[in-house]
Every structure is written in structure tokens, then in C-alpha cells.
Amino acid sequence: MAGAGAAGKCFGGSPEDINVVPVRESVNGDHPGGFYVLEQKIADNPGNYRHIDIRIECDGPPANAGSVSRLGDVNPVDRVPTEFTVSWTEQNGLQEQKKFMNRD
């Protein structure tokens, strides 16, 4: 899996190469329709992307959520988001949305 940050380096995020949330390379790779490509479009023309909202969906808490007090105690498979939805308003006022499925 490739990593995705809450804010990429080009947007003032962490300069480190860390995994904030796990993202499949098929979602975050440098290919047409990839999340990385959308990030680059936003970085290249930030004035055309306003009010950006990124929603991260997961299947829900693991079965043992009531007994877990640390993220490290949660099975890594249960920490993987299933979907990312990016919404924004374009410069011309049109609202846009793109979904990225993060499943097999």
C-alpha cells in the first residue's frame, strides 16, 4: 500500500514520508484517475479548487472496539479506509466530487 497524508508536502503538510492512512497504490498512484493526479491538479491550479473536503470512510469499529485503548491494539486490517470522497467548489461555482474506492 502507498501512504496518504492528511496534507501533502505541496500543501504544507509533513515533510516526512509517513503513512497517515493506508491507501492502495492503485488508488494513490501516478496514473489517470488516481488520487495523486487529483492532488497534482489542485497543487498546479489551487484557485480552481475551493472549499475542499476529504471524507474518509471505514467499515466501522472492530468487534473488540470496547476493549481497545490504543490504536496499536486494533488489527491493522481494521484500520484501512474503504473509500475516500473528495468534494470541492470550482472557480466557476460548480460543485464537484470524486470517489476513490480503497478495496480489493
PDB file of N, CA and C in Angstrom:
ATOM      1  N   MET A   1       0.841  -1.183   0.000  1.00  0.00           N
ATOM      2  CA  MET A   1       0.000   0.000   0.000  1.00  0.00           C
ATOM      3  C   MET A   1       0.880   1.238   0.000  1.00  0.00           C
ATOM      4  N   ALA A   2       0.414   2.247  -0.631  1.00  0.00           N
ATOM      5  CA  ALA A   2       1.080   3.548  -0.605  1.00  0.00           C
ATOM      6  C   ALA A   2       0.475   4.340   0.538  1.00  0.00           C
ATOM      7  N   GLY A   3       1.170   5.353   1.001  1.00  0.00           N
ATOM      8  CA  GLY A   3       0.641   6.156   2.099  1.00  0.00           C
ATOM      9  C   GLY A   3      -0.043   7.404   1.589  1.00  0.00           C
ATOM     10  N   ALA A   4      -0.956   7.923   2.365  1.00  0.00           N
ATOM     11  CA  ALA A   4      -1.591   9.198   2.033  1.00  0.00           C
ATOM     12  C   ALA A   4      -1.540  10.066   3.265  1.00  0.00           C
ATOM     13  N   GLY A   5      -1.191  11.301   3.106  1.00  0.00           N
ATOM     14  CA  GLY A   5      -1.159  12.204   4.241  1.00  0.00           C
ATOM     15  C   GLY A   5      -2.433  13.020   4.308  1.00  0.00           C
ATOM     16  N   ALA A   6      -2.680  13.561   5.487  1.00  0.00           N
ATOM     17  CA  ALA A   6      -3.825  14.461   5.625  1.00  0.00           C
ATOM     18  C   ALA A   6      -3.596  15.703   4.779  1.00  0.00           C
ATOM     19  N   ALA A   7      -2.351  16.112   4.669  1.00  0.00           N
ATOM     20  CA  ALA A   7      -1.983  17.234   3.797  1.00  0.00           C
ATOM     21  C   ALA A   7      -0.622  16.913   3.208  1.00  0.00           C
ATOM     22  N   GLY A   8      -0.560  16.811   1.896  1.00  0.00           N
ATOM     23  CA  GLY A   8       0.702  16.513   1.243  1.00  0.00           C
ATOM     24  C   GLY A   8       1.711  17.639   1.432  1.00  0.00           C
ATOM     25  N   LYS A   9       2.990  17.319   1.170  1.00  0.00           N
ATOM     26  CA  LYS A   9       4.052  18.317   1.314  1.00  0.00           C
ATOM     27  C   LYS A   9       3.765  19.575   0.514  1.00  0.00           C
ATOM     28  N   CYS A  10       3.199  19.410  -0.696  1.00  0.00           N
ATOM     29  CA  CYS A  10       2.950  20.583  -1.547  1.00  0.00           C
ATOM     30  C   CYS A  10       1.863  21.481  -0.967  1.00  0.00           C
ATOM     31  N   PHE A  11       1.126  21.009   0.044  1.00  0.00           N
ATOM     32  CA  PHE A  11       0.082  21.809   0.675  1.00  0.00           C
ATOM     33  C   PHE A  11       0.458  22.220   2.089  1.00  0.00           C
ATOM     34  N   GLY A  12       1.744  22.096   2.447  1.00  0.00           N
ATOM     35  CA  GLY A  12       2.198  22.496   3.773  1.00  0.00           C
ATOM     36  C   GLY A  12       2.107  21.398   4.806  1.00  0.00           C
ATOM     37  N   GLY A  13       1.887  20.167   4.369  1.00  0.00           N
ATOM     38  CA  GLY A  13       1.836  19.034   5.290  1.00  0.00           C
ATOM     39  C   GLY A  13       3.225  18.588   5.699  1.00  0.00           C
ATOM     40  N   SER A  14       3.272  17.487   6.390  1.00  0.00           N
ATOM     41  CA  SER A  14       4.515  16.953   6.916  1.00  0.00           C
ATOM     42  C   SER A  14       5.531  16.709   5.798  1.00  0.00           C
ATOM     43  N   PRO A  15       6.804  17.067   6.027  1.00  0.00           N
ATOM     44  CA  PRO A  15       7.829  16.808   5.019  1.00  0.00           C
ATOM     45  C   PRO A  15       8.289  15.356   5.041  1.00  0.00           C
ATOM     46  N   GLU A  16       7.793  14.590   5.992  1.00  0.00           N
ATOM     47  CA  GLU A  16       8.216  13.209   6.139  1.00  0.00           C
ATOM     48  C   GLU A  16       7.382  12.295   5.269  1.00  0.00           C
ATOM     49  N   ASP A  17       7.962  11.171   4.922  1.00  0.00           N
ATOM     50  CA  ASP A  17       7.279  10.167   4.124  1.00  0.00           C
ATOM     51  C   ASP A  17       6.597   9.199   5.075  1.00  0.00           C
ATOM     52  N   ILE A  18       5.434   9.595   5.618  1.00  0.00           N
ATOM     53  CA  ILE A  18       4.737   8.779   6.606  1.00  0.00           C
ATOM     54  C   ILE A  18       3.385   8.335   6.080  1.00  0.00           C
ATOM     55  N   ASN A  19       2.887   7.270   6.627  1.00  0.00           N
ATOM     56  CA  ASN A  19       1.555   6.785   6.279  1.00  0.00           C
ATOM     57  C   ASN A  19       0.578   7.291   7.323  1.00  0.00           C
ATOM     58  N   VAL A  20      -0.228   8.260   6.961  1.00  0.00           N
ATOM     59  CA  VAL A  20      -1.250   8.767   7.865  1.00  0.00           C
ATOM     60  C   VAL A  20      -2.429   7.797   7.838  1.00  0.00           C
ATOM     61  N   VAL A  21      -2.843   7.399   6.656  1.00  0.00           N
ATOM     62  CA  VAL A  21      -3.840   6.350   6.477  1.00  0.00           C
ATOM     63  C   VAL A  21      -3.380   5.473   5.315  1.00  0.00           C
ATOM     64  N   PRO A  22      -3.640   4.169   5.384  1.00  0.00           N
ATOM     65  CA  PRO A  22      -3.220   3.290   4.297  1.00  0.00           C
ATOM     66  C   PRO A  22      -4.074   3.486   3.047  1.00  0.00           C
ATOM     67  N   VAL A  23      -3.397   3.645   1.922  1.00  0.00           N
ATOM     68  CA  VAL A  23      -4.068   3.820   0.634  1.00  0.00           C
ATOM     69  C   VAL A  23      -3.410   2.879  -0.365  1.00  0.00           C
ATOM     70  N   ARG A  24      -4.230   2.141  -1.081  1.00  0.00           N
ATOM     71  CA  ARG A  24      -3.690   1.230  -2.096  1.00  0.00           C
ATOM     72  C   ARG A  24      -2.986   2.022  -3.196  1.00  0.00           C
ATOM     73  N   GLU A  25      -1.912   1.450  -3.708  1.00  0.00           N
ATOM     74  CA  GLU A  25      -1.189   2.118  -4.784  1.00  0.00           C
ATOM     75  C   GLU A  25      -2.085   2.296  -6.008  1.00  0.00           C
ATOM     76  N   SER A  26      -3.023   1.383  -6.215  1.00  0.00           N
ATOM     77  CA  SER A  26      -3.944   1.508  -7.354  1.00  0.00           C
ATOM     78  C   SER A  26      -4.837   2.740  -7.204  1.00  0.00           C
ATOM     79  N   VAL A  27      -4.993   3.247  -5.984  1.00  0.00           N
ATOM     80  CA  VAL A  27      -5.786   4.456  -5.726  1.00  0.00           C
ATOM     81  C   VAL A  27      -4.883   5.683  -5.758  1.00  0.00           C
ATOM     82  N   ASN A  28      -3.730   5.608  -5.103  1.00  0.00           N
ATOM     83  CA  ASN A  28      -2.875   6.774  -4.893  1.00  0.00           C
ATOM     84  C   ASN A  28      -1.741   6.889  -5.902  1.00  0.00           C
ATOM     85  N   GLY A  29      -1.654   5.995  -6.858  1.00  0.00           N
ATOM     86  CA  GLY A  29      -0.552   6.014  -7.813  1.00  0.00           C
ATOM     87  C   GLY A  29      -0.643   7.148  -8.820  1.00  0.00           C
ATOM     88  N   ASP A  30       0.461   7.345  -9.524  1.00  0.00           N
ATOM     89  CA  ASP A  30       0.553   8.384 -10.547  1.00  0.00           C
ATOM     90  C   ASP A  30       0.040   7.817 -11.868  1.00  0.00           C
ATOM     91  N   HIS A  31      -1.292   7.721 -11.989  1.00  0.00           N
ATOM     92  CA  HIS A  31      -1.936   7.199 -13.188  1.00  0.00           C
ATOM     93  C   HIS A  31      -3.264   7.921 -13.370  1.00  0.00           C
ATOM     94  N   PRO A  32      -3.813   7.919 -14.591  1.00  0.00           N
ATOM     95  CA  PRO A  32      -5.088   8.619 -14.823  1.00  0.00           C
ATOM     96  C   PRO A  32      -6.156   8.176 -13.818  1.00  0.00           C
ATOM     97  N   GLY A  33      -6.816   9.142 -13.206  1.00  0.00           N
ATOM     98  CA  GLY A  33      -7.870   8.846 -12.251  1.00  0.00           C
ATOM     99  C   GLY A  33      -7.391   8.604 -10.838  1.00  0.00           C
ATOM    100  N   GLY A  34      -6.077   8.663 -10.603  1.00  0.00           N
ATOM    101  CA  GLY A  34      -5.532   8.413  -9.278  1.00  0.00           C
ATOM    102  C   GLY A  34      -5.652   9.617  -8.353  1.00  0.00           C
ATOM    103  N   PHE A  35      -5.658   9.352  -7.061  1.00  0.00           N
ATOM    104  CA  PHE A  35      -5.729  10.403  -6.046  1.00  0.00           C
ATOM    105  C   PHE A  35      -4.537  11.348  -6.185  1.00  0.00           C
ATOM    106  N   TYR A  36      -3.364  10.773  -6.464  1.00  0.00           N
ATOM    107  CA  TYR A  36      -2.155  11.585  -6.645  1.00  0.00           C
ATOM    108  C   TYR A  36      -2.339  12.583  -7.788  1.00  0.00           C
ATOM    109  N   VAL A  37      -2.968  12.153  -8.863  1.00  0.00           N
ATOM    110  CA  VAL A  37      -3.187  13.037 -10.013  1.00  0.00           C
ATOM    111  C   VAL A  37      -4.097  14.197  -9.615  1.00  0.00           C
ATOM    112  N   LEU A  38      -5.138  13.922  -8.825  1.00  0.00           N
ATOM    113  CA  LEU A  38      -6.010  14.998  -8.339  1.00  0.00           C
ATOM    114  C   LEU A  38      -5.217  15.957  -7.460  1.00  0.00           C
ATOM    115  N   GLU A  39      -4.369  15.421  -6.573  1.00  0.00           N
ATOM    116  CA  GLU A  39      -3.534  16.284  -5.730  1.00  0.00           C
ATOM    117  C   GLU A  39      -2.665  17.209  -6.578  1.00  0.00           C
ATOM    118  N   GLN A  40      -2.091  16.678  -7.653  1.00  0.00           N
ATOM    119  CA  GLN A  40      -1.242  17.482  -8.529  1.00  0.00           C
ATOM    120  C   GLN A  40      -2.042  18.565  -9.238  1.00  0.00           C
ATOM    121  N   LYS A  41      -3.248  18.240  -9.676  1.00  0.00           N
ATOM    122  CA  LYS A  41      -4.108  19.242 -10.331  1.00  0.00           C
ATOM    123  C   LYS A  41      -4.431  20.373  -9.358  1.00  0.00           C
ATOM    124  N   ILE A  42      -4.715  20.027  -8.114  1.00  0.00           N
ATOM    125  CA  ILE A  42      -5.011  21.040  -7.103  1.00  0.00           C
ATOM    126  C   ILE A  42      -3.774  21.893  -6.846  1.00  0.00           C
ATOM    127  N   ALA A  43      -2.609  21.265  -6.735  1.00  0.00           N
ATOM    128  CA  ALA A  43      -1.369  21.999  -6.479  1.00  0.00           C
ATOM    129  C   ALA A  43      -1.021  22.923  -7.643  1.00  0.00           C
ATOM    130  N   ASP A  44      -1.268  22.469  -8.864  1.00  0.00           N
ATOM    131  CA  ASP A  44      -0.948  23.264 -10.054  1.00  0.00           C
ATOM    132  C   ASP A  44      -1.899  24.434 -10.262  1.00  0.00           C
ATOM    133  N   ASN A  45      -3.133  24.329  -9.799  1.00  0.00           N
ATOM    134  CA  ASN A  45      -4.131  25.370 -10.017  1.00  0.00           C
ATOM    135  C   ASN A  45      -5.029  25.498  -8.781  1.00  0.00           C
ATOM    136  N   PRO A  46      -4.470  25.919  -7.645  1.00  0.00           N
ATOM    137  CA  PRO A  46      -5.252  25.950  -6.401  1.00  0.00           C
ATOM    138  C   PRO A  46      -6.464  26.881  -6.463  1.00  0.00           C
ATOM    139  N   GLY A  47      -6.428  27.902  -7.306  1.00  0.00           N
ATOM    140  CA  GLY A  47      -7.550  28.825  -7.400  1.00  0.00           C
ATOM    141  C   GLY A  47      -8.806  28.205  -7.977  1.00  0.00           C
ATOM    142  N   ASN A  48      -8.659  27.067  -8.664  1.00  0.00           N
ATOM    143  CA  ASN A  48      -9.817  26.401  -9.247  1.00  0.00           C
ATOM    144  C   ASN A  48     -10.457  25.403  -8.288  1.00  0.00           C
ATOM    145  N   TYR A  49      -9.841  25.183  -7.136  1.00  0.00           N
ATOM    146  CA  TYR A  49     -10.350  24.213  -6.165  1.00  0.00           C
ATOM    147  C   TYR A  49     -10.570  24.931  -4.839  1.00  0.00           C
ATOM    148  N   ARG A  50     -11.815  25.171  -4.493  1.00  0.00           N
ATOM    149  CA  ARG A  50     -12.146  25.902  -3.267  1.00  0.00           C
ATOM    150  C   ARG A  50     -12.979  25.016  -2.357  1.00  0.00           C
ATOM    151  N   HIS A  51     -12.878  25.280  -1.080  1.00  0.00           N
ATOM    152  CA  HIS A  51     -13.681  24.562  -0.080  1.00  0.00           C
ATOM    153  C   HIS A  51     -13.518  23.047  -0.230  1.00  0.00           C
ATOM    154  N   ILE A  52     -12.277  22.583  -0.263  1.00  0.00           N
ATOM    155  CA  ILE A  52     -12.003  21.158  -0.427  1.00  0.00           C
ATOM    156  C   ILE A  52     -12.364  20.418   0.861  1.00  0.00           C
ATOM    157  N   ASP A  53     -13.073  19.324   0.706  1.00  0.00           N
ATOM    158  CA  ASP A  53     -13.484  18.486   1.828  1.00  0.00           C
ATOM    159  C   ASP A  53     -13.143  17.048   1.473  1.00  0.00           C
ATOM    160  N   ILE A  54     -12.357  16.392   2.312  1.00  0.00           N
ATOM    161  CA  ILE A  54     -11.983  14.999   2.080  1.00  0.00           C
ATOM    162  C   ILE A  54     -12.620  14.148   3.179  1.00  0.00           C
ATOM    163  N   ARG A  55     -13.449  13.211   2.778  1.00  0.00           N
ATOM    164  CA  ARG A  55     -14.112  12.297   3.721  1.00  0.00           C
ATOM    165  C   ARG A  55     -13.474  10.923   3.583  1.00  0.00           C
ATOM    166  N   ILE A  56     -13.155  10.328   4.711  1.00  0.00           N
ATOM    167  CA  ILE A  56     -12.554   9.002   4.736  1.00  0.00           C
ATOM    168  C   ILE A  56     -13.538   8.057   5.406  1.00  0.00           C
ATOM    169  N   GLU A  57     -13.944   7.026   4.675  1.00  0.00           N
ATOM    170  CA  GLU A  57     -14.918   6.057   5.182  1.00  0.00           C
ATOM    171  C   GLU A  57     -14.223   4.762   5.568  1.00  0.00           C
ATOM    172  N   CYS A  58     -14.652   4.197   6.672  1.00  0.00           N
ATOM    173  CA  CYS A  58     -14.179   2.891   7.115  1.00  0.00           C
ATOM    174  C   CYS A  58     -15.392   2.004   7.329  1.00  0.00           C
ATOM    175  N   ASP A  59     -15.171   0.706   7.420  1.00  0.00           N
ATOM    176  CA  ASP A  59     -16.277  -0.223   7.629  1.00  0.00           C
ATOM    177  C   ASP A  59     -16.907  -0.056   8.997  1.00  0.00           C
ATOM    178  N   GLY A  60     -16.236   0.541   9.920  1.00  0.00           N
ATOM    179  CA  GLY A  60     -16.757   0.697  11.270  1.00  0.00           C
ATOM    180  C   GLY A  60     -15.762   0.173  12.280  1.00  0.00           C
ATOM    181  N   PRO A  61     -16.053   0.355  13.536  1.00  0.00           N
ATOM    182  CA  PRO A  61     -15.101  -0.080  14.555  1.00  0.00           C
ATOM    183  C   PRO A  61     -14.985  -1.598  14.577  1.00  0.00           C
ATOM    184  N   PRO A  62     -13.812  -2.103  14.936  1.00  0.00           N
ATOM    185  CA  PRO A  62     -13.640  -3.549  15.020  1.00  0.00           C
ATOM    186  C   PRO A  62     -14.509  -4.123  16.141  1.00  0.00           C
ATOM    187  N   ALA A  63     -14.718  -5.403  16.089  1.00  0.00           N
ATOM    188  CA  ALA A  63     -15.588  -6.068  17.067  1.00  0.00           C
ATOM    189  C   ALA A  63     -15.118  -5.851  18.504  1.00  0.00           C
ATOM    190  N   ASN A  64     -13.804  -5.714  18.704  1.00  0.00           N
ATOM    191  CA  ASN A  64     -13.270  -5.548  20.061  1.00  0.00           C
ATOM    192  C   ASN A  64     -13.065  -4.089  20.437  1.00  0.00           C
ATOM    193  N   ALA A  65     -13.757  -3.168  19.763  1.00  0.00           N
ATOM    194  CA  ALA A  65     -13.526  -1.735  19.976  1.00  0.00           C
ATOM    195  C   ALA A  65     -13.724  -1.314  21.428  1.00  0.00           C
ATOM    196  N   GLY A  66     -14.664  -1.935  22.134  1.00  0.00           N
ATOM    197  CA  GLY A  66     -14.913  -1.562  23.518  1.00  0.00           C
ATOM    198  C   GLY A  66     -13.761  -1.891  24.441  1.00  0.00           C
ATOM    199  N   SER A  67     -12.929  -2.856  24.077  1.00  0.00           N
ATOM    200  CA  SER A  67     -11.822  -3.256  24.936  1.00  0.00           C
ATOM    201  C   SER A  67     -10.485  -2.682  24.483  1.00  0.00           C
ATOM    202  N   VAL A  68     -10.486  -1.859  23.450  1.00  0.00           N
ATOM    203  CA  VAL A  68      -9.246  -1.318  22.886  1.00  0.00           C
ATOM    204  C   VAL A  68      -9.012   0.093  23.401  1.00  0.00           C
ATOM    205  N   SER A  69      -7.806   0.348  23.893  1.00  0.00           N
ATOM    206  CA  SER A  69      -7.480   1.697  24.365  1.00  0.00           C
ATOM    207  C   SER A  69      -6.366   2.340  23.545  1.00  0.00           C
ATOM    208  N   ARG A  70      -5.726   1.572  22.656  1.00  0.00           N
ATOM    209  CA  ARG A  70      -4.659   2.104  21.806  1.00  0.00           C
ATOM    210  C   ARG A  70      -4.879   1.647  20.366  1.00  0.00           C
ATOM    211  N   LEU A  71      -4.538   2.501  19.416  1.00  0.00           N
ATOM    212  CA  LEU A  71      -4.660   2.134  18.011  1.00  0.00           C
ATOM    213  C   LEU A  71      -3.837   0.888  17.707  1.00  0.00           C
ATOM    214  N   GLY A  72      -2.696   0.762  18.361  1.00  0.00           N
ATOM    215  CA  GLY A  72      -1.838  -0.400  18.139  1.00  0.00           C
ATOM    216  C   GLY A  72      -2.502  -1.715  18.496  1.00  0.00           C
ATOM    217  N   ASP A  73      -3.567  -1.662  19.307  1.00  0.00           N
ATOM    218  CA  ASP A  73      -4.290  -2.871  19.687  1.00  0.00           C
ATOM    219  C   ASP A  73      -5.353  -3.264  18.667  1.00  0.00           C
ATOM    220  N   VAL A  74      -5.578  -2.425  17.661  1.00  0.00           N
ATOM    221  CA  VAL A  74      -6.566  -2.715  16.625  1.00  0.00           C
ATOM    222  C   VAL A  74      -5.860  -3.441  15.482  1.00  0.00           C
ATOM    223  N   ASN A  75      -6.457  -4.504  15.018  1.00  0.00           N
ATOM    224  CA  ASN A  75      -5.908  -5.253  13.898  1.00  0.00           C
ATOM    225  C   ASN A  75      -5.654  -4.289  12.734  1.00  0.00           C
ATOM    226  N   PRO A  76      -4.461  -4.289  12.134  1.00  0.00           N
ATOM    227  CA  PRO A  76      -4.163  -3.363  11.033  1.00  0.00           C
ATOM    228  C   PRO A  76      -5.175  -3.408   9.889  1.00  0.00           C
ATOM    229  N   VAL A  77      -5.758  -4.562   9.614  1.00  0.00           N
ATOM    230  CA  VAL A  77      -6.748  -4.670   8.540  1.00  0.00           C
ATOM    231  C   VAL A  77      -7.964  -3.810   8.857  1.00  0.00           C
ATOM    232  N   ASP A  78      -8.319  -3.688  10.143  1.00  0.00           N
ATOM    233  CA  ASP A  78      -9.488  -2.900  10.542  1.00  0.00           C
ATOM    234  C   ASP A  78      -9.226  -1.399  10.505  1.00  0.00           C
ATOM    235  N   ARG A  79      -7.979  -0.986  10.261  1.00  0.00           N
ATOM    236  CA  ARG A  79      -7.633   0.437  10.207  1.00  0.00           C
ATOM    237  C   ARG A  79      -7.614   0.979   8.779  1.00  0.00           C
ATOM    238  N   VAL A  80      -7.845   0.146   7.805  1.00  0.00           N
ATOM    239  CA  VAL A  80      -7.736   0.550   6.405  1.00  0.00           C
ATOM    240  C   VAL A  80      -9.041   1.174   5.934  1.00  0.00           C
ATOM    241  N   PRO A  81      -9.010   2.443   5.499  1.00  0.00           N
ATOM    242  CA  PRO A  81     -10.227   3.076   4.964  1.00  0.00           C
ATOM    243  C   PRO A  81     -10.726   2.331   3.734  1.00  0.00           C
ATOM    244  N   THR A  82     -12.029   2.321   3.545  1.00  0.00           N
ATOM    245  CA  THR A  82     -12.620   1.648   2.400  1.00  0.00           C
ATOM    246  C   THR A  82     -12.873   2.602   1.233  1.00  0.00           C
ATOM    247  N   GLU A  83     -12.972   3.899   1.534  1.00  0.00           N
ATOM    248  CA  GLU A  83     -13.330   4.863   0.490  1.00  0.00           C
ATOM    249  C   GLU A  83     -12.876   6.267   0.896  1.00  0.00           C
ATOM    250  N   PHE A  84     -12.475   7.040  -0.098  1.00  0.00           N
ATOM    251  CA  PHE A  84     -12.151   8.462   0.075  1.00  0.00           C
ATOM    252  C   PHE A  84     -13.065   9.240  -0.860  1.00  0.00           C
ATOM    253  N   THR A  85     -13.709  10.280  -0.352  1.00  0.00           N
ATOM    254  CA  THR A  85     -14.546  11.131  -1.187  1.00  0.00           C
ATOM    255  C   THR A  85     -14.009  12.550  -1.079  1.00  0.00           C
ATOM    256  N   VAL A  86     -13.666  13.131  -2.214  1.00  0.00           N
ATOM    257  CA  VAL A  86     -13.146  14.496  -2.257  1.00  0.00           C
ATOM    258  C   VAL A  86     -14.195  15.370  -2.926  1.00  0.00           C
ATOM    259  N   SER A  87     -14.603  16.426  -2.237  1.00  0.00           N
ATOM    260  CA  SER A  87     -15.571  17.382  -2.777  1.00  0.00           C
ATOM    261  C   SER A  87     -14.933  18.766  -2.812  1.00  0.00           C
ATOM    262  N   TRP A  88     -15.299  19.572  -3.791  1.00  0.00           N
ATOM    263  CA  TRP A  88     -14.770  20.920  -3.886  1.00  0.00           C
ATOM    264  C   TRP A  88     -15.701  21.778  -4.726  1.00  0.00           C
ATOM    265  N   THR A  89     -15.486  23.067  -4.658  1.00  0.00           N
ATOM    266  CA  THR A  89     -16.203  24.021  -5.500  1.00  0.00           C
ATOM    267  C   THR A  89     -15.195  24.602  -6.474  1.00  0.00           C
ATOM    268  N   GLU A  90     -15.500  24.529  -7.757  1.00  0.00           N
ATOM    269  CA  GLU A  90     -14.605  25.073  -8.772  1.00  0.00           C
ATOM    270  C   GLU A  90     -14.739  26.588  -8.819  1.00  0.00           C
ATOM    271  N   GLN A  91     -13.786  27.225  -9.459  1.00  0.00           N
ATOM    272  CA  GLN A  91     -13.740  28.683  -9.563  1.00  0.00           C
ATOM    273  C   GLN A  91     -15.028  29.251 -10.161  1.00  0.00           C
ATOM    274  N   ASN A  92     -15.648  28.508 -11.067  1.00  0.00           N
ATOM    275  CA  ASN A  92     -16.885  28.978 -11.708  1.00  0.00           C
ATOM    276  C   ASN A  92     -18.127  28.702 -10.854  1.00  0.00           C
ATOM    277  N   GLY A  93     -17.943  28.154  -9.640  1.00  0.00           N
ATOM    278  CA  GLY A  93     -19.049  27.922  -8.726  1.00  0.00           C
ATOM    279  C   GLY A  93     -19.655  26.527  -8.787  1.00  0.00           C
ATOM    280  N   LEU A  94     -19.247  25.725  -9.759  1.00  0.00           N
ATOM    281  CA  LEU A  94     -19.770  24.364  -9.858  1.00  0.00           C
ATOM    282  C   LEU A  94     -19.194  23.486  -8.747  1.00  0.00           C
ATOM    283  N   GLN A  95     -20.038  22.662  -8.170  1.00  0.00           N
ATOM    284  CA  GLN A  95     -19.570  21.730  -7.151  1.00  0.00           C
ATOM    285  C   GLN A  95     -19.207  20.412  -7.822  1.00  0.00           C
ATOM    286  N   GLU A  96     -18.072  19.865  -7.413  1.00  0.00           N
ATOM    287  CA  GLU A  96     -17.575  18.612  -7.981  1.00  0.00           C
ATOM    288  C   GLU A  96     -17.301  17.621  -6.857  1.00  0.00           C
ATOM    289  N   GLN A  97     -17.266  16.343  -7.212  1.00  0.00           N
ATOM    290  CA  GLN A  97     -16.972  15.304  -6.237  1.00  0.00           C
ATOM    291  C   GLN A  97     -16.314  14.133  -6.963  1.00  0.00           C
ATOM    292  N   LYS A  98     -15.336  13.519  -6.305  1.00  0.00           N
ATOM    293  CA  LYS A  98     -14.674  12.346  -6.864  1.00  0.00           C
ATOM    294  C   LYS A  98     -14.504  11.329  -5.750  1.00  0.00           C
ATOM    295  N   LYS A  99     -14.860  10.069  -6.037  1.00  0.00           N
ATOM    296  CA  LYS A  99     -14.713   8.981  -5.065  1.00  0.00           C
ATOM    297  C   LYS A  99     -13.568   8.085  -5.473  1.00  0.00           C
ATOM    298  N   PHE A 100     -12.853   7.620  -4.463  1.00  0.00           N
ATOM    299  CA  PHE A 100     -11.758   6.687  -4.656  1.00  0.00           C
ATOM    300  C   PHE A 100     -12.023   5.483  -3.758  1.00  0.00           C
ATOM    301  N   MET A 101     -12.250   4.319  -4.363  1.00  0.00           N
ATOM    302  CA  MET A 101     -12.509   3.108  -3.595  1.00  0.00           C
ATOM    303  C   MET A 101     -11.158   2.489  -3.199  1.00  0.00           C
ATOM    304  N   ASN A 102     -11.017   2.138  -1.945  1.00  0.00           N
ATOM    305  CA  ASN A 102      -9.754   1.637  -1.405  1.00  0.00           C
ATOM    306  C   ASN A 102      -9.915   0.183  -0.953  1.00  0.00           C
ATOM    307  N   ARG A 103     -10.531  -0.633  -1.816  1.00  0.00           N
ATOM    308  CA  ARG A 103     -10.795  -2.051  -1.509  1.00  0.00           C
ATOM    309  C   ARG A 103     -10.196  -2.939  -2.578  1.00  0.00           C
ATOM    310  N   ASP A 104     -10.189  -4.212  -2.289  1.00  0.00           N
ATOM    311  CA  ASP A 104      -9.730  -5.196  -3.296  1.00  0.00           C
ATOM    312  C   ASP A 104     -10.680  -5.251  -4.454  1.00  0.00           C
TER     313      ASP A 104
END
